[in-house]
Amino acid sequence: MLYSMTGFARQSAELPFGTLTWEIRTVNHRYLDVQFRLPDELRPKEPALRQQVSTLLSRGKIECALRFQRAFDQSSELLLNTDLVRLLRKRTAELARLLPETTALNPIDVLRWPGVVQEPEIDAEPLFDAAAALLLQTLDELKTMRGSEGARIGAMLGQRCDEIEAIASAVRKRMPEVLAAAHARQKERIERLDVDADPARLEVELALIAQKNDVDEEIDRLDSHVTEIRQVLEADEPVGRRLDFLMQELNREANTLASKAAETQTTKAAVELKVLIEQMREQVQNIE
């Protein structure tokens, strides 16, 4: 099953000590790049949370943000950091002497100052256990979304494979006619020169021209790559890098086909192939 590297998931949980909310955003990336934004209480637990993510995801830039809103407890006391309040008062008085037009400090503003209100400590272990469990739920939701997008990409790739096979088949069917026409043109040029040509040497030259214009090998390799792409699409593992390599191989064969084209129809077919391959390559960049 294919998984896209682009996705978003959000999960919240109401707990006795507050509300936890995970938000995970992912975009495509060459490797696995996991970034966390955690509340202070859980920063020491980042390695364990990172391990959870790397177990389920293998590629992409992953942004994991956890918000923790403490539950309000009317029975708890509002503790103040009086040392910090005195320091703020001292510095505010100094500022008032330098800037007399400054208004008096609002007590509510003081309460909003980081560290002035001392919240009671929370046991980090139950908080971590709840956050880890909620992270797994969020990752499951993310994988579901990425899988849905991956299925859409897989369907598009399968359709493009059908179109590539149809173009390759049409080129193969036309090849005897193309080679015969090239053979006839070359003989006509020699006849116009009105010179005696060694029949054996002429046949060798015509055979070399036919070999130069023959694209059977390129068509065979195109078919082979398409077959492998179909097999990769059915694999139950990350296949983005493998598909990216196969896009390069397809593009190489399309370029060779264009360079060996002996008439406009084959050139047009090579251009159509390159357009299809580029469409596939753009989508493959988003596959895990």
Protein backbone atom coordinates (compact mmCIF):
# COMPACT_ATOMS: atom_id res chain seq x y z
CA MET A 1 0.00 0.00 0.00
CA LEU A 2 1.29 3.45 -0.91
CA TYR A 3 1.47 6.23 1.67
CA SER A 4 1.72 9.89 0.82
CA MET A 5 4.20 11.99 2.79
CA THR A 6 1.66 14.84 3.03
CA GLY A 7 -0.91 14.80 5.80
CA PHE A 8 -2.42 16.36 8.90
CA ALA A 9 -3.96 14.92 12.06
CA ARG A 10 -5.28 16.37 15.32
CA GLN A 11 -6.40 14.57 18.48
CA SER A 12 -7.38 15.86 21.93
CA ALA A 13 -7.97 14.16 25.27
CA GLU A 14 -9.62 15.49 28.44
CA LEU A 15 -7.72 14.30 31.51
CA PRO A 16 -8.11 14.96 35.25
CA PHE A 17 -5.08 17.25 35.22
CA GLY A 18 -5.89 19.07 31.97
CA THR A 19 -6.36 18.83 28.20
CA LEU A 20 -3.78 17.42 25.81
CA THR A 21 -3.87 18.20 22.09
CA TRP A 22 -1.55 16.78 19.45
CA GLU A 23 -1.27 18.31 15.99
CA ILE A 24 0.91 16.59 13.38
CA ARG A 25 1.73 18.03 9.97
CA THR A 26 3.81 16.20 7.39
CA VAL A 27 5.27 17.17 4.02
CA ASN A 28 7.61 15.40 1.63
CA HIS A 29 11.29 15.13 2.48
CA ARG A 30 14.16 13.01 1.27
CA TYR A 31 14.64 11.44 4.71
CA LEU A 32 12.78 11.27 8.03
CA ASP A 33 12.97 14.64 9.79
CA VAL A 34 10.95 14.80 13.03
CA GLN A 35 10.51 18.06 14.92
CA PHE A 36 8.73 18.48 18.27
CA ARG A 37 7.17 21.37 20.15
CA LEU A 38 6.43 20.20 23.68
CA PRO A 39 5.34 21.76 26.98
CA ASP A 40 8.14 22.17 29.51
CA GLU A 41 6.94 19.21 31.57
CA LEU A 42 7.53 16.77 28.69
CA ARG A 43 10.69 18.06 27.05
CA PRO A 44 12.84 15.39 28.76
CA LYS A 45 10.56 12.76 27.17
CA GLU A 46 11.20 13.88 23.59
CA PRO A 47 13.51 10.93 22.71
CA ALA A 48 10.82 8.42 23.69
CA LEU A 49 8.15 10.28 21.70
CA ARG A 50 10.51 10.55 18.73
CA GLN A 51 10.99 6.77 18.85
CA GLN A 52 7.21 6.32 18.59
CA VAL A 53 7.07 8.43 15.44
CA SER A 54 10.07 6.75 13.76
CA THR A 55 8.53 3.33 14.39
CA LEU A 56 5.46 4.18 12.29
CA LEU A 57 6.83 6.63 9.71
CA SER A 58 9.91 6.23 7.54
CA ARG A 59 10.08 9.40 5.38
CA GLY A 60 8.88 12.97 5.45
CA LYS A 61 9.27 16.16 7.42
CA ILE A 62 7.13 15.60 10.52
CA GLU A 63 6.09 18.51 12.75
CA CYS A 64 4.59 17.33 16.05
CA ALA A 65 3.11 19.95 18.37
CA LEU A 66 1.65 19.12 21.79
CA ARG A 67 -0.42 21.64 23.73
CA PHE A 68 -1.21 21.13 27.40
CA GLN A 69 -3.88 23.21 29.11
CA ARG A 70 -4.00 22.62 32.84
CA ALA A 71 -7.32 21.96 34.50
CA PHE A 72 -8.48 24.76 36.78
CA ASP A 73 -8.66 23.65 40.39
CA GLN A 74 -10.62 26.05 42.61
CA SER A 75 -9.24 24.41 45.73
CA SER A 76 -5.61 25.05 44.76
CA GLU A 77 -3.81 28.17 45.94
CA LEU A 78 -2.45 30.83 43.61
CA LEU A 79 1.21 30.89 44.56
CA LEU A 80 3.33 33.92 43.70
CA ASN A 81 7.05 34.12 43.14
CA THR A 82 7.52 37.04 45.49
CA ASP A 83 11.24 37.38 44.72
CA LEU A 84 10.43 37.87 41.05
CA VAL A 85 7.66 40.35 41.88
CA ARG A 86 10.09 42.44 44.01
CA LEU A 87 12.64 42.40 41.20
CA LEU A 88 10.00 43.55 38.71
CA ARG A 89 8.98 46.35 41.09
CA LYS A 90 12.59 47.47 41.42
CA ARG A 91 13.21 47.47 37.69
CA THR A 92 9.89 49.22 37.02
CA ALA A 93 10.84 51.99 39.46
CA GLU A 94 14.17 52.45 37.67
CA LEU A 95 12.35 52.66 34.35
CA ALA A 96 9.88 55.19 35.74
CA ARG A 97 12.76 57.50 36.77
CA LEU A 98 14.21 57.29 33.25
CA LEU A 99 10.82 57.66 31.58
CA PRO A 100 8.57 59.78 33.80
CA GLU A 101 5.70 59.60 31.32
CA THR A 102 5.48 55.81 31.85
CA THR A 103 2.22 54.71 33.43
CA ALA A 104 2.12 52.72 36.63
CA LEU A 105 2.54 48.98 36.41
CA ASN A 106 -0.77 47.10 36.25
CA PRO A 107 -0.93 44.20 38.78
CA ILE A 108 -2.74 42.06 36.20
CA ASP A 109 0.21 42.55 33.86
CA VAL A 110 2.51 41.41 36.65
CA LEU A 111 0.48 38.22 37.09
CA ARG A 112 0.85 37.53 33.36
CA TRP A 113 4.64 37.80 33.54
CA PRO A 114 6.26 34.38 32.97
CA GLY A 115 7.16 32.75 36.27
CA VAL A 116 5.25 35.13 38.56
CA VAL A 117 2.40 32.69 39.16
CA GLN A 118 3.83 29.39 40.35
CA GLU A 119 1.65 26.50 39.31
CA PRO A 120 1.80 23.32 41.35
CA GLU A 121 4.04 20.68 39.85
CA ILE A 122 2.46 17.83 37.91
CA ASP A 123 3.78 14.29 38.01
CA ALA A 124 5.42 13.94 34.58
CA GLU A 125 5.01 10.18 34.28
CA PRO A 126 1.17 10.03 34.10
CA LEU A 127 1.28 13.06 31.80
CA PHE A 128 3.81 11.32 29.54
CA ASP A 129 1.79 8.09 29.49
CA ALA A 130 -1.31 10.00 28.43
CA ALA A 131 0.63 12.01 25.83
CA ALA A 132 2.24 8.87 24.38
CA ALA A 133 -1.11 7.07 24.08
CA LEU A 134 -2.68 10.11 22.43
CA LEU A 135 0.29 10.39 20.06
CA LEU A 136 -0.34 6.85 18.84
CA GLN A 137 -3.98 7.71 18.13
CA THR A 138 -2.91 10.82 16.23
CA LEU A 139 -0.34 8.87 14.22
CA ASP A 140 -3.01 6.28 13.33
CA GLU A 141 -5.25 9.06 12.04
CA LEU A 142 -2.32 10.51 10.11
CA LYS A 143 -1.48 7.15 8.51
CA THR A 144 -5.11 6.72 7.47
CA MET A 145 -5.06 10.11 5.76
CA ARG A 146 -1.67 9.45 4.15
CA GLY A 147 -2.88 6.04 3.00
CA SER A 148 -5.97 7.56 1.38
CA GLU A 149 -3.82 10.07 -0.49
CA GLY A 150 -1.36 7.30 -1.38
CA ALA A 151 -4.19 5.23 -2.89
CA ARG A 152 -5.16 8.18 -5.09
CA ILE A 153 -1.55 8.57 -6.24
CA GLY A 154 -1.28 4.83 -6.88
CA ALA A 155 -4.40 4.90 -9.06
CA MET A 156 -2.94 7.77 -11.08
CA LEU A 157 0.38 5.96 -11.52
CA GLY A 158 -1.42 2.82 -12.67
CA GLN A 159 -3.37 4.82 -15.24
CA ARG A 160 -0.18 6.43 -16.54
CA CYS A 161 1.42 2.98 -16.80
CA ASP A 162 -1.49 1.90 -19.02
CA GLU A 163 -0.91 4.93 -21.25
CA ILE A 164 2.83 4.28 -21.48
CA GLU A 165 2.20 0.66 -22.47
CA ALA A 166 -0.29 1.77 -25.13
CA ILE A 167 2.20 4.25 -26.63
CA ALA A 168 5.03 1.70 -26.55
CA SER A 169 2.81 -0.91 -28.21
CA ALA A 170 1.84 1.54 -30.97
CA VAL A 171 5.50 2.39 -31.63
CA ARG A 172 6.40 -1.31 -31.76
CA LYS A 173 3.64 -2.05 -34.29
CA ARG A 174 4.79 0.80 -36.53
CA MET A 175 8.46 -0.12 -36.39
CA PRO A 176 8.55 -2.54 -39.40
CA GLU A 177 6.88 0.13 -41.53
CA VAL A 178 9.29 2.81 -40.25
CA LEU A 179 12.37 0.66 -40.93
CA ALA A 180 11.12 -0.26 -44.39
CA ALA A 181 10.59 3.41 -45.21
CA ALA A 182 14.08 4.32 -43.95
CA HIS A 183 15.53 1.46 -46.04
CA ALA A 184 13.70 2.71 -49.13
CA ARG A 185 14.83 6.30 -48.62
CA GLN A 186 18.45 5.28 -48.35
CA LYS A 187 18.30 3.18 -51.52
CA GLU A 188 16.64 6.08 -53.32
CA ARG A 189 19.45 8.43 -52.27
CA ILE A 190 22.09 6.02 -53.58
CA GLU A 191 20.24 5.60 -56.87
CA ARG A 192 20.11 9.38 -57.32
CA LEU A 193 23.90 9.50 -56.98
CA ASP A 194 24.11 7.36 -60.15
CA VAL A 195 27.13 5.38 -58.95
CA ASP A 196 27.90 1.70 -58.92
CA ALA A 197 27.64 0.42 -55.35
CA ASP A 198 28.94 -2.86 -54.04
CA PRO A 199 25.73 -4.82 -53.25
CA ALA A 200 27.33 -6.49 -50.22
CA ARG A 201 28.58 -3.17 -48.86
CA LEU A 202 25.18 -1.59 -49.57
CA GLU A 203 23.41 -4.27 -47.57
CA VAL A 204 25.81 -3.73 -44.67
CA GLU A 205 25.15 0.03 -44.73
CA LEU A 206 21.41 -0.49 -44.87
CA ALA A 207 21.61 -2.96 -41.98
CA LEU A 208 23.55 -0.40 -39.90
CA ILE A 209 20.93 2.26 -40.61
CA ALA A 210 18.17 -0.15 -39.64
CA GLN A 211 20.00 -0.97 -36.41
CA LYS A 212 20.40 2.73 -35.61
CA ASN A 213 16.69 3.37 -36.11
CA ASP A 214 15.48 0.19 -34.39
CA VAL A 215 13.94 0.97 -30.98
CA ASP A 216 12.91 -2.56 -29.99
CA GLU A 217 15.34 -2.58 -27.05
CA GLU A 218 14.01 0.73 -25.72
CA ILE A 219 10.41 -0.51 -26.02
CA ASP A 220 11.35 -3.74 -24.23
CA ARG A 221 12.96 -1.80 -21.38
CA LEU A 222 9.96 0.53 -21.13
CA ASP A 223 7.68 -2.50 -20.80
CA SER A 224 10.03 -4.03 -18.23
CA HIS A 225 10.10 -0.84 -16.12
CA VAL A 226 6.31 -0.53 -16.25
CA THR A 227 5.96 -4.13 -15.08
CA GLU A 228 8.30 -3.44 -12.18
CA ILE A 229 6.39 -0.27 -11.25
CA ARG A 230 3.17 -2.29 -11.03
CA GLN A 231 4.90 -4.79 -8.74
CA VAL A 232 6.30 -2.01 -6.55
CA LEU A 233 2.86 -0.42 -6.22
CA GLU A 234 1.63 -3.66 -4.63
CA ALA A 235 4.49 -3.88 -2.11
CA ASP A 236 3.66 -3.53 1.58
CA GLU A 237 6.64 -1.31 2.43
CA PRO A 238 7.92 2.22 1.71
CA VAL A 239 8.65 2.39 -2.02
CA GLY A 240 9.12 6.10 -2.77
CA ARG A 241 12.85 5.90 -3.44
CA ARG A 242 12.44 2.82 -5.65
CA LEU A 243 9.75 4.53 -7.70
CA ASP A 244 11.89 7.63 -8.03
CA PHE A 245 14.69 5.50 -9.49
CA LEU A 246 12.27 3.86 -11.93
CA MET A 247 11.10 7.28 -13.10
CA GLN A 248 14.69 8.10 -14.00
CA GLU A 249 14.96 4.84 -15.95
CA LEU A 250 11.73 5.52 -17.82
CA ASN A 251 12.92 9.00 -18.71
CA ARG A 252 16.23 7.62 -20.00
CA GLU A 253 14.43 5.24 -22.37
CA ALA A 254 12.11 8.01 -23.59
CA ASN A 255 15.14 10.20 -24.36
CA THR A 256 16.83 7.40 -26.28
CA LEU A 257 13.62 6.71 -28.18
CA ALA A 258 13.48 10.39 -29.18
CA SER A 259 17.10 10.43 -30.32
CA LYS A 260 16.60 7.33 -32.51
CA ALA A 261 13.27 8.42 -33.98
CA ALA A 262 13.33 8.16 -37.78
CA GLU A 263 9.96 9.88 -38.39
CA THR A 264 7.59 12.36 -36.75
CA GLN A 265 5.17 9.82 -35.26
CA THR A 266 7.92 8.20 -33.19
CA THR A 267 9.17 11.63 -32.10
CA LYS A 268 5.63 12.58 -31.04
CA ALA A 269 5.32 9.31 -29.12
CA ALA A 270 8.60 10.04 -27.27
CA VAL A 271 7.32 13.51 -26.30
CA GLU A 272 4.05 12.05 -25.02
CA LEU A 273 6.04 9.52 -22.98
CA LYS A 274 8.15 12.28 -21.41
CA VAL A 275 5.00 14.22 -20.45
CA LEU A 276 3.49 11.14 -18.78
CA ILE A 277 6.73 10.29 -17.00
CA GLU A 278 7.06 13.84 -15.66
CA GLN A 279 3.50 13.70 -14.33
CA MET A 280 4.36 10.46 -12.56
CA ARG A 281 7.65 11.81 -11.22
CA GLU A 282 5.92 14.81 -9.64
CA GLN A 283 3.52 12.51 -7.77
CA VAL A 284 6.24 10.02 -6.80
CA GLN A 285 8.02 12.83 -4.91
CA ASN A 286 5.15 12.68 -2.38
CA ILE A 287 5.30 8.92 -1.78
CA GLU A 288 6.84 7.63 1.44
